[in-house]
PDB file of N, CA and C in Angstrom:
ATOM      1  N   UNK A   1      77.043  58.963  60.976  1.00  0.00           N
ATOM      2  CA  UNK A   1      78.403  58.755  60.528  1.00  0.00           C
ATOM      3  C   UNK A   1      78.777  57.294  60.784  1.00  0.00           C
ATOM      4  N   UNK A   2      79.167  56.586  59.748  1.00  0.00           N
ATOM      5  CA  UNK A   2      79.526  55.185  59.877  1.00  0.00           C
ATOM      6  C   UNK A   2      81.000  55.008  59.607  1.00  0.00           C
ATOM      7  N   UNK A   3      81.625  54.132  60.386  1.00  0.00           N
ATOM      8  CA  UNK A   3      83.032  53.825  60.186  1.00  0.00           C
ATOM      9  C   UNK A   3      83.158  52.780  59.093  1.00  0.00           C
ATOM     10  N   UNK A   4      84.167  52.934  58.263  1.00  0.00           N
ATOM     11  CA  UNK A   4      84.447  51.940  57.230  1.00  0.00           C
ATOM     12  C   UNK A   4      85.171  50.784  57.912  1.00  0.00           C
ATOM     13  N   UNK A   5      84.578  49.602  57.897  1.00  0.00           N
ATOM     14  CA  UNK A   5      85.160  48.447  58.580  1.00  0.00           C
ATOM     15  C   UNK A   5      85.895  47.560  57.591  1.00  0.00           C
ATOM     16  N   UNK A   6      87.138  47.292  57.890  1.00  0.00           N
ATOM     17  CA  UNK A   6      87.925  46.359  57.099  1.00  0.00           C
ATOM     18  C   UNK A   6      87.939  45.013  57.815  1.00  0.00           C
ATOM     19  N   UNK A   7      88.097  45.056  59.124  1.00  0.00           N
ATOM     20  CA  UNK A   7      88.096  43.859  59.953  1.00  0.00           C
ATOM     21  C   UNK A   7      87.400  44.197  61.263  1.00  0.00           C
ATOM     22  N   UNK A   8      86.882  43.186  61.914  1.00  0.00           N
ATOM     23  CA  UNK A   8      86.168  43.382  63.172  1.00  0.00           C
ATOM     24  C   UNK A   8      86.753  42.445  64.211  1.00  0.00           C
ATOM     25  N   UNK A   9      86.930  42.958  65.422  1.00  0.00           N
ATOM     26  CA  UNK A   9      87.397  42.165  66.555  1.00  0.00           C
ATOM     27  C   UNK A   9      86.371  42.275  67.661  1.00  0.00           C
ATOM     28  N   UNK A  10      86.135  41.214  68.358  1.00  0.00           N
ATOM     29  CA  UNK A  10      85.253  41.227  69.517  1.00  0.00           C
ATOM     30  C   UNK A  10      86.126  41.324  70.760  1.00  0.00           C
ATOM     31  N   UNK A  11      85.782  42.260  71.655  1.00  0.00           N
ATOM     32  CA  UNK A  11      86.540  42.416  72.895  1.00  0.00           C
ATOM     33  C   UNK A  11      85.593  42.251  74.074  1.00  0.00           C
ATOM     34  N   UNK A  12      86.152  41.950  75.218  1.00  0.00           N
ATOM     35  CA  UNK A  12      85.377  41.844  76.449  1.00  0.00           C
ATOM     36  C   UNK A  12      85.834  42.953  77.377  1.00  0.00           C
ATOM     37  N   UNK A  13      84.873  43.734  77.868  1.00  0.00           N
ATOM     38  CA  UNK A  13      85.168  44.777  78.837  1.00  0.00           C
ATOM     39  C   UNK A  13      84.219  44.629  80.009  1.00  0.00           C
ATOM     40  N   UNK A  14      84.626  45.120  81.160  1.00  0.00           N
ATOM     41  CA  UNK A  14      83.736  45.016  82.315  1.00  0.00           C
ATOM     42  C   UNK A  14      82.652  46.081  82.235  1.00  0.00           C
ATOM     43  N   UNK A  15      81.671  45.973  83.100  1.00  0.00           N
ATOM     44  CA  UNK A  15      80.510  46.854  83.070  1.00  0.00           C
ATOM     45  C   UNK A  15      80.899  48.315  83.294  1.00  0.00           C
ATOM     46  N   UNK A  16      81.857  48.559  84.179  1.00  0.00           N
ATOM     47  CA  UNK A  16      82.301  49.931  84.442  1.00  0.00           C
ATOM     48  C   UNK A  16      82.891  50.571  83.185  1.00  0.00           C
ATOM     49  N   UNK A  17      83.713  49.818  82.450  1.00  0.00           N
ATOM     50  CA  UNK A  17      84.299  50.329  81.208  1.00  0.00           C
ATOM     51  C   UNK A  17      83.209  50.566  80.161  1.00  0.00           C
ATOM     52  N   UNK A  18      82.258  49.645  80.062  1.00  0.00           N
ATOM     53  CA  UNK A  18      81.150  49.814  79.114  1.00  0.00           C
ATOM     54  C   UNK A  18      80.361  51.080  79.427  1.00  0.00           C
ATOM     55  N   UNK A  19      80.059  51.309  80.688  1.00  0.00           N
ATOM     56  CA  UNK A  19      79.288  52.488  81.077  1.00  0.00           C
ATOM     57  C   UNK A  19      80.056  53.777  80.786  1.00  0.00           C
ATOM     58  N   UNK A  20      81.392  53.751  80.975  1.00  0.00           N
ATOM     59  CA  UNK A  20      82.214  54.925  80.671  1.00  0.00           C
ATOM     60  C   UNK A  20      82.148  55.235  79.173  1.00  0.00           C
ATOM     61  N   UNK A  21      82.220  54.204  78.339  1.00  0.00           N
ATOM     62  CA  UNK A  21      82.101  54.404  76.894  1.00  0.00           C
ATOM     63  C   UNK A  21      80.706  54.896  76.523  1.00  0.00           C
ATOM     64  N   UNK A  22      79.702  54.279  77.117  1.00  0.00           N
ATOM     65  CA  UNK A  22      78.318  54.630  76.791  1.00  0.00           C
ATOM     66  C   UNK A  22      78.021  56.088  77.145  1.00  0.00           C
ATOM     67  N   UNK A  23      78.605  56.599  78.231  1.00  0.00           N
ATOM     68  CA  UNK A  23      78.390  57.999  78.619  1.00  0.00           C
ATOM     69  C   UNK A  23      78.957  58.959  77.584  1.00  0.00           C
ATOM     70  N   UNK A  24      80.010  58.566  76.913  1.00  0.00           N
ATOM     71  CA  UNK A  24      80.652  59.439  75.929  1.00  0.00           C
ATOM     72  C   UNK A  24      80.082  59.279  74.522  1.00  0.00           C
ATOM     73  N   UNK A  25      79.315  58.221  74.325  1.00  0.00           N
ATOM     74  CA  UNK A  25      78.751  57.926  73.010  1.00  0.00           C
ATOM     75  C   UNK A  25      77.543  58.824  72.742  1.00  0.00           C
ATOM     76  N   UNK A  26      77.561  59.465  71.563  1.00  0.00           N
ATOM     77  CA  UNK A  26      76.429  60.302  71.149  1.00  0.00           C
ATOM     78  C   UNK A  26      75.482  59.486  70.288  1.00  0.00           C
ATOM     79  N   UNK A  27      74.268  59.965  70.166  1.00  0.00           N
ATOM     80  CA  UNK A  27      73.262  59.272  69.365  1.00  0.00           C
ATOM     81  C   UNK A  27      73.776  59.067  67.936  1.00  0.00           C
ATOM     82  N   UNK A  28      73.674  57.843  67.452  1.00  0.00           N
ATOM     83  CA  UNK A  28      74.116  57.517  66.106  1.00  0.00           C
ATOM     84  C   UNK A  28      75.601  57.257  65.964  1.00  0.00           C
ATOM     85  N   UNK A  29      76.337  57.374  67.051  1.00  0.00           N
ATOM     86  CA  UNK A  29      77.789  57.185  67.015  1.00  0.00           C
ATOM     87  C   UNK A  29      78.123  55.764  67.458  1.00  0.00           C
ATOM     88  N   UNK A  30      79.138  55.177  66.858  1.00  0.00           N
ATOM     89  CA  UNK A  30      79.551  53.823  67.234  1.00  0.00           C
ATOM     90  C   UNK A  30      80.531  53.865  68.404  1.00  0.00           C
ATOM     91  N   UNK A  31      80.618  52.744  69.107  1.00  0.00           N
ATOM     92  CA  UNK A  31      81.611  52.636  70.175  1.00  0.00           C
ATOM     93  C   UNK A  31      83.017  52.723  69.581  1.00  0.00           C
ATOM     94  N   UNK A  32      83.197  52.223  68.379  1.00  0.00           N
ATOM     95  CA  UNK A  32      84.507  52.320  67.717  1.00  0.00           C
ATOM     96  C   UNK A  32      84.920  53.777  67.560  1.00  0.00           C
ATOM     97  N   UNK A  33      83.988  54.640  67.156  1.00  0.00           N
ATOM     98  CA  UNK A  33      84.284  56.065  66.987  1.00  0.00           C
ATOM     99  C   UNK A  33      84.666  56.690  68.322  1.00  0.00           C
ATOM    100  N   UNK A  34      83.952  56.332  69.396  1.00  0.00           N
ATOM    101  CA  UNK A  34      84.264  56.874  70.727  1.00  0.00           C
ATOM    102  C   UNK A  34      85.695  56.495  71.113  1.00  0.00           C
ATOM    103  N   UNK A  35      86.049  55.252  70.901  1.00  0.00           N
ATOM    104  CA  UNK A  35      87.397  54.779  71.244  1.00  0.00           C
ATOM    105  C   UNK A  35      88.446  55.488  70.390  1.00  0.00           C
ATOM    106  N   UNK A  36      88.190  55.627  69.093  1.00  0.00           N
ATOM    107  CA  UNK A  36      89.151  56.286  68.200  1.00  0.00           C
ATOM    108  C   UNK A  36      89.335  57.753  68.571  1.00  0.00           C
ATOM    109  N   UNK A  37      88.252  58.428  68.957  1.00  0.00           N
ATOM    110  CA  UNK A  37      88.373  59.833  69.349  1.00  0.00           C
ATOM    111  C   UNK A  37      89.274  59.990  70.569  1.00  0.00           C
ATOM    112  N   UNK A  38      89.212  59.032  71.478  1.00  0.00           N
ATOM    113  CA  UNK A  38      90.011  59.146  72.696  1.00  0.00           C
ATOM    114  C   UNK A  38      91.424  58.586  72.534  1.00  0.00           C
ATOM    115  N   UNK A  39      91.555  57.467  71.853  1.00  0.00           N
ATOM    116  CA  UNK A  39      92.847  56.781  71.766  1.00  0.00           C
ATOM    117  C   UNK A  39      93.466  56.794  70.379  1.00  0.00           C
ATOM    118  N   UNK A  40      92.798  57.408  69.420  1.00  0.00           N
ATOM    119  CA  UNK A  40      93.277  57.397  68.039  1.00  0.00           C
ATOM    120  C   UNK A  40      94.563  58.164  67.836  1.00  0.00           C
ATOM    121  N   UNK A  41      94.931  58.280  66.599  1.00  0.00           N
ATOM    122  CA  UNK A  41      96.162  58.966  66.204  1.00  0.00           C
ATOM    123  C   UNK A  41      96.193  60.386  66.753  1.00  0.00           C
ATOM    124  N   UNK A  42      97.306  60.759  67.291  1.00  0.00           N
ATOM    125  CA  UNK A  42      97.511  62.109  67.806  1.00  0.00           C
ATOM    126  C   UNK A  42      98.151  62.977  66.728  1.00  0.00           C
ATOM    127  N   UNK A  43      97.883  64.256  66.773  1.00  0.00           N
ATOM    128  CA  UNK A  43      98.512  65.185  65.844  1.00  0.00           C
ATOM    129  C   UNK A  43     100.007  65.260  66.134  1.00  0.00           C
ATOM    130  N   UNK A  44     100.782  65.481  65.094  1.00  0.00           N
ATOM    131  CA  UNK A  44     102.235  65.542  65.232  1.00  0.00           C
ATOM    132  C   UNK A  44     102.752  66.888  64.729  1.00  0.00           C
ATOM    133  N   UNK A  45     104.014  67.113  64.934  1.00  0.00           N
ATOM    134  CA  UNK A  45     104.659  68.306  64.411  1.00  0.00           C
ATOM    135  C   UNK A  45     104.573  68.360  62.891  1.00  0.00           C
ATOM    136  N   UNK A  46     104.627  67.208  62.268  1.00  0.00           N
ATOM    137  CA  UNK A  46     104.516  67.144  60.798  1.00  0.00           C
ATOM    138  C   UNK A  46     103.132  67.632  60.357  1.00  0.00           C
ATOM    139  N   UNK A  47     102.090  67.270  61.121  1.00  0.00           N
ATOM    140  CA  UNK A  47     100.736  67.753  60.811  1.00  0.00           C
ATOM    141  C   UNK A  47     100.685  69.274  60.910  1.00  0.00           C
ATOM    142  N   UNK A  48     101.295  69.815  61.950  1.00  0.00           N
ATOM    143  CA  UNK A  48     101.331  71.259  62.138  1.00  0.00           C
ATOM    144  C   UNK A  48     102.094  71.933  60.996  1.00  0.00           C
ATOM    145  N   UNK A  49     103.232  71.376  60.638  1.00  0.00           N
ATOM    146  CA  UNK A  49     104.045  71.951  59.562  1.00  0.00           C
ATOM    147  C   UNK A  49     103.268  71.976  58.240  1.00  0.00           C
ATOM    148  N   UNK A  50     102.446  70.967  58.005  1.00  0.00           N
ATOM    149  CA  UNK A  50     101.646  70.935  56.779  1.00  0.00           C
ATOM    150  C   UNK A  50     100.573  72.022  56.773  1.00  0.00           C
ATOM    151  N   UNK A  51     100.108  72.420  57.950  1.00  0.00           N
ATOM    152  CA  UNK A  51      99.078  73.454  58.048  1.00  0.00           C
ATOM    153  C   UNK A  51      99.636  74.876  58.016  1.00  0.00           C
ATOM    154  N   UNK A  52     100.877  75.057  58.415  1.00  0.00           N
ATOM    155  CA  UNK A  52     101.441  76.401  58.535  1.00  0.00           C
ATOM    156  C   UNK A  52     101.357  77.252  57.268  1.00  0.00           C
ATOM    157  N   UNK A  53     101.566  76.684  56.078  1.00  0.00           N
ATOM    158  CA  UNK A  53     101.442  77.538  54.887  1.00  0.00           C
ATOM    159  C   UNK A  53     100.043  78.143  54.721  1.00  0.00           C
ATOM    160  N   UNK A  54      99.042  77.521  55.312  1.00  0.00           N
ATOM    161  CA  UNK A  54      97.671  78.015  55.194  1.00  0.00           C
ATOM    162  C   UNK A  54      97.331  79.041  56.269  1.00  0.00           C
ATOM    163  N   UNK A  55      98.196  79.157  57.289  1.00  0.00           N
ATOM    164  CA  UNK A  55      97.942  80.051  58.419  1.00  0.00           C
ATOM    165  C   UNK A  55      98.877  81.245  58.330  1.00  0.00           C
ATOM    166  N   UNK A  56      98.333  82.422  58.541  1.00  0.00           N
ATOM    167  CA  UNK A  56      99.169  83.623  58.502  1.00  0.00           C
ATOM    168  C   UNK A  56      99.452  84.074  59.928  1.00  0.00           C
ATOM    169  N   UNK A  57     100.670  83.809  60.379  1.00  0.00           N
ATOM    170  CA  UNK A  57     101.087  84.207  61.724  1.00  0.00           C
ATOM    171  C   UNK A  57     102.056  85.375  61.619  1.00  0.00           C
ATOM    172  N   UNK A  58     101.920  86.299  62.530  1.00  0.00           N
ATOM    173  CA  UNK A  58     102.829  87.437  62.533  1.00  0.00           C
ATOM    174  C   UNK A  58     104.209  86.987  63.016  1.00  0.00           C
ATOM    175  N   UNK A  59     105.209  87.785  62.708  1.00  0.00           N
ATOM    176  CA  UNK A  59     106.568  87.488  63.168  1.00  0.00           C
ATOM    177  C   UNK A  59     106.597  87.457  64.691  1.00  0.00           C
ATOM    178  N   UNK A  60     105.839  88.327  65.340  1.00  0.00           N
ATOM    179  CA  UNK A  60     105.780  88.356  66.799  1.00  0.00           C
ATOM    180  C   UNK A  60     105.192  87.056  67.348  1.00  0.00           C
ATOM    181  N   UNK A  61     104.135  86.551  66.739  1.00  0.00           N
ATOM    182  CA  UNK A  61     103.529  85.291  67.179  1.00  0.00           C
ATOM    183  C   UNK A  61     104.517  84.143  67.017  1.00  0.00           C
ATOM    184  N   UNK A  62     105.236  84.121  65.917  1.00  0.00           N
ATOM    185  CA  UNK A  62     106.229  83.069  65.696  1.00  0.00           C
ATOM    186  C   UNK A  62     107.351  83.137  66.725  1.00  0.00           C
ATOM    187  N   UNK A  63     107.799  84.346  67.081  1.00  0.00           N
ATOM    188  CA  UNK A  63     108.835  84.499  68.114  1.00  0.00           C
ATOM    189  C   UNK A  63     108.339  83.972  69.456  1.00  0.00           C
ATOM    190  N   UNK A  64     107.083  84.273  69.786  1.00  0.00           N
ATOM    191  CA  UNK A  64     106.521  83.795  71.055  1.00  0.00           C
ATOM    192  C   UNK A  64     106.430  82.270  71.080  1.00  0.00           C
ATOM    193  N   UNK A  65     106.010  81.670  69.962  1.00  0.00           N
ATOM    194  CA  UNK A  65     105.956  80.209  69.886  1.00  0.00           C
ATOM    195  C   UNK A  65     107.339  79.600  70.030  1.00  0.00           C
ATOM    196  N   UNK A  66     108.313  80.203  69.364  1.00  0.00           N
ATOM    197  CA  UNK A  66     109.683  79.715  69.460  1.00  0.00           C
ATOM    198  C   UNK A  66     110.177  79.782  70.901  1.00  0.00           C
ATOM    199  N   UNK A  67     109.887  80.876  71.588  1.00  0.00           N
ATOM    200  CA  UNK A  67     110.287  81.008  72.988  1.00  0.00           C
ATOM    201  C   UNK A  67     109.630  79.964  73.871  1.00  0.00           C
ATOM    202  N   UNK A  68     108.370  79.701  73.644  1.00  0.00           N
ATOM    203  CA  UNK A  68     107.657  78.684  74.414  1.00  0.00           C
ATOM    204  C   UNK A  68     108.284  77.311  74.210  1.00  0.00           C
ATOM    205  N   UNK A  69     108.584  76.981  72.967  1.00  0.00           N
ATOM    206  CA  UNK A  69     109.209  75.691  72.669  1.00  0.00           C
ATOM    207  C   UNK A  69     110.562  75.579  73.351  1.00  0.00           C
ATOM    208  N   UNK A  70     111.359  76.644  73.295  1.00  0.00           N
ATOM    209  CA  UNK A  70     112.687  76.615  73.937  1.00  0.00           C
ATOM    210  C   UNK A  70     112.574  76.446  75.447  1.00  0.00           C
ATOM    211  N   UNK A  71     111.616  77.133  76.081  1.00  0.00           N
ATOM    212  CA  UNK A  71     111.426  77.003  77.535  1.00  0.00           C
ATOM    213  C   UNK A  71     110.987  75.591  77.911  1.00  0.00           C
ATOM    214  N   UNK A  72     110.133  75.008  77.113  1.00  0.00           N
ATOM    215  CA  UNK A  72     109.686  73.640  77.403  1.00  0.00           C
ATOM    216  C   UNK A  72     110.828  72.648  77.283  1.00  0.00           C
ATOM    217  N   UNK A  73     111.687  72.836  76.304  1.00  0.00           N
ATOM    218  CA  UNK A  73     112.829  71.934  76.145  1.00  0.00           C
ATOM    219  C   UNK A  73     113.776  72.041  77.336  1.00  0.00           C
ATOM    220  N   UNK A  74     113.889  73.237  77.901  1.00  0.00           N
ATOM    221  CA  UNK A  74     114.813  73.466  79.009  1.00  0.00           C
ATOM    222  C   UNK A  74     114.215  73.095  80.368  1.00  0.00           C
ATOM    223  N   UNK A  75     112.937  72.818  80.432  1.00  0.00           N
ATOM    224  CA  UNK A  75     112.254  72.534  81.694  1.00  0.00           C
ATOM    225  C   UNK A  75     112.715  71.190  82.253  1.00  0.00           C
ATOM    226  N   UNK A  76     113.356  71.220  83.393  1.00  0.00           N
ATOM    227  CA  UNK A  76     113.879  69.996  84.004  1.00  0.00           C
ATOM    228  C   UNK A  76     112.783  69.106  84.575  1.00  0.00           C
ATOM    229  N   UNK A  77     111.574  69.618  84.723  1.00  0.00           N
ATOM    230  CA  UNK A  77     110.482  68.840  85.284  1.00  0.00           C
ATOM    231  C   UNK A  77     109.900  67.867  84.264  1.00  0.00           C
ATOM    232  N   UNK A  78     110.302  67.978  83.024  1.00  0.00           N
ATOM    233  CA  UNK A  78     109.785  67.065  82.001  1.00  0.00           C
ATOM    234  C   UNK A  78     110.323  65.658  82.230  1.00  0.00           C
ATOM    235  N   UNK A  79     109.590  64.697  81.801  1.00  0.00           N
ATOM    236  CA  UNK A  79     110.007  63.301  81.943  1.00  0.00           C
ATOM    237  C   UNK A  79     111.255  63.043  81.106  1.00  0.00           C
ATOM    238  N   UNK A  80     112.178  62.251  81.633  1.00  0.00           N
ATOM    239  CA  UNK A  80     113.404  61.957  80.877  1.00  0.00           C
ATOM    240  C   UNK A  80     113.108  61.079  79.661  1.00  0.00           C
ATOM    241  N   UNK A  81     113.935  61.215  78.639  1.00  0.00           N
ATOM    242  CA  UNK A  81     113.816  60.343  77.472  1.00  0.00           C
ATOM    243  C   UNK A  81     114.378  58.981  77.845  1.00  0.00           C
ATOM    244  N   UNK A  82     113.686  57.950  77.455  1.00  0.00           N
ATOM    245  CA  UNK A  82     114.136  56.589  77.783  1.00  0.00           C
ATOM    246  C   UNK A  82     114.760  55.920  76.584  1.00  0.00           C
TER     247      UNK A  82
END
């Protein structure tokens, strides 16, 4: 699997960081792919909403998800919005 490169940047990392990347790199995989898998774009609620029409969830499952979301919003241990 090759990444489509539009631009290339050279970075300097210390040996410990290089070894951490190398441990996660699979045969034939680029360091760029390893970095993107860990730090790349995260899924969003919009991504989930786009998938929902393809998934058949029962009314009970939807109620449970709604309850979980409401409990998380009410949890005072969550980090404050800045």
